Amino acid sequence: LVRAFNTMRSPRRRLINQREYNLLDLLLSATEPTDPFSDNPSRKIRVAVLRQDRGVQGAYTRLTPRTFYRELSRLGELRFIRFERVAEANDWTVELDFEAIGRY
């Protein structure tokens, strides 16, 4: 995460901004598996649950919900996270993609 945050895309633009970095850090702790020897390196979390997190609400207080979803989508485009549709709840789940470590 630190390497991706410190990577500059242009003189004024980082690969990920501070809010995106904090969001990934929050996802890292929120999706930590209960069993450290599990085959899955992380658990999934619903976007609605993530949106209600106090840290997320604090970071996006003065911003529109669209900013949260845009930054979440951007992290998906950079392949830091994966989305999966939950049809019965009309929601999405988010899961960290640890292969991003090798890419950045």
Protein backbone atom coordinates (compact mmCIF):
# COMPACT_ATOMS: atom_id res chain seq x y z
CA LEU A 1 0.00 0.00 0.00
CA VAL A 2 2.78 2.41 0.87
CA ARG A 3 4.52 1.78 -2.44
CA ALA A 4 1.28 2.40 -4.38
CA PHE A 5 0.64 5.57 -2.37
CA ASN A 6 4.16 6.86 -3.05
CA THR A 7 4.01 6.09 -6.79
CA MET A 8 3.35 9.26 -8.76
CA ARG A 9 1.25 9.07 -11.95
CA SER A 10 2.01 12.69 -12.79
CA PRO A 11 3.66 15.58 -10.94
CA ARG A 12 0.43 16.18 -8.99
CA ARG A 13 -1.33 12.78 -9.00
CA ARG A 14 -0.51 9.68 -6.95
CA LEU A 15 -1.49 6.16 -7.98
CA ILE A 16 -3.86 6.11 -4.99
CA ASN A 17 -4.84 9.12 -2.90
CA GLN A 18 -4.94 9.35 0.90
CA ARG A 19 -8.63 8.39 1.19
CA GLU A 20 -8.12 5.38 -1.11
CA TYR A 21 -5.09 4.35 0.95
CA ASN A 22 -7.13 4.63 4.16
CA LEU A 23 -10.00 2.69 2.57
CA LEU A 24 -7.65 -0.15 1.59
CA ASP A 25 -6.14 -0.14 5.07
CA LEU A 26 -9.63 -0.34 6.60
CA LEU A 27 -10.54 -3.20 4.22
CA LEU A 28 -7.37 -4.99 5.21
CA SER A 29 -8.35 -5.01 8.87
CA ALA A 30 -12.12 -5.50 8.29
CA THR A 31 -11.67 -8.55 6.03
CA GLU A 32 -8.94 -10.28 8.01
CA PRO A 33 -9.78 -13.99 8.18
CA THR A 34 -10.77 -15.44 11.53
CA ASP A 35 -8.50 -18.42 10.84
CA PRO A 36 -4.95 -17.32 9.93
CA PHE A 37 -4.33 -20.71 8.27
CA SER A 38 -7.36 -20.38 6.02
CA ASP A 39 -7.09 -20.99 2.27
CA ASN A 40 -8.69 -17.59 1.64
CA PRO A 41 -6.43 -14.67 2.56
CA SER A 42 -9.41 -12.39 3.28
CA ARG A 43 -13.13 -12.38 3.92
CA LYS A 44 -15.72 -10.51 1.90
CA ILE A 45 -17.57 -7.48 3.21
CA ARG A 46 -20.74 -5.96 1.83
CA VAL A 47 -20.51 -2.48 0.38
CA ALA A 48 -23.48 -1.34 2.48
CA VAL A 49 -21.71 -2.49 5.66
CA LEU A 50 -18.50 -0.81 4.57
CA ARG A 51 -20.37 2.42 3.83
CA GLN A 52 -21.75 2.43 7.41
CA ASP A 53 -18.30 2.04 9.00
CA ARG A 54 -17.39 4.99 11.25
CA GLY A 55 -14.01 5.42 9.58
CA VAL A 56 -15.57 5.57 6.12
CA GLN A 57 -18.27 7.95 7.28
CA GLY A 58 -15.66 10.20 8.86
CA ALA A 59 -13.49 10.24 5.74
CA TYR A 60 -16.40 11.04 3.43
CA THR A 61 -18.41 13.38 5.70
CA ARG A 62 -18.04 16.47 3.56
CA LEU A 63 -18.15 14.58 0.28
CA THR A 64 -21.01 13.08 -1.67
CA PRO A 65 -21.67 9.31 -1.58
CA ARG A 66 -20.73 9.34 -5.25
CA THR A 67 -17.11 10.08 -4.27
CA PHE A 68 -17.02 6.96 -2.08
CA TYR A 69 -18.39 4.76 -4.86
CA ARG A 70 -16.12 6.33 -7.47
CA GLU A 71 -13.02 5.71 -5.34
CA LEU A 72 -14.14 2.17 -4.55
CA SER A 73 -14.66 1.57 -8.27
CA ARG A 74 -11.24 3.03 -9.03
CA LEU A 75 -9.62 0.62 -6.57
CA GLY A 76 -11.41 -2.16 -8.44
CA GLU A 77 -10.08 -0.88 -11.77
CA LEU A 78 -6.56 -0.86 -10.30
CA ARG A 79 -7.32 -4.44 -9.18
CA PHE A 80 -6.69 -3.86 -5.49
CA ILE A 81 -10.18 -5.21 -4.78
CA ARG A 82 -12.72 -7.53 -6.39
CA PHE A 83 -16.49 -7.13 -6.43
CA GLU A 84 -19.10 -9.84 -6.36
CA ARG A 85 -22.84 -9.30 -6.79
CA VAL A 86 -25.20 -10.48 -4.04
CA ALA A 87 -28.48 -10.76 -5.94
CA GLU A 88 -30.78 -11.57 -3.04
CA ALA A 89 -29.65 -8.49 -1.08
CA ASN A 90 -29.32 -6.22 -4.12
CA ASP A 91 -25.82 -5.36 -2.95
CA TRP A 92 -22.17 -6.07 -3.74
CA THR A 93 -19.39 -7.61 -1.68
CA VAL A 94 -15.80 -6.40 -1.71
CA GLU A 95 -12.74 -8.57 -1.27
CA LEU A 96 -9.08 -7.60 -1.32
CA ASP A 97 -7.01 -8.94 -4.21
CA PHE A 98 -3.59 -9.77 -2.82
CA GLU A 99 -2.14 -10.23 -6.32
CA ALA A 100 -2.01 -6.42 -6.47
CA ILE A 101 1.00 -6.60 -4.17
CA GLY A 102 3.05 -8.01 -7.01
CA ARG A 103 1.76 -5.46 -9.51
CA TYR A 104 2.63 -2.37 -7.52
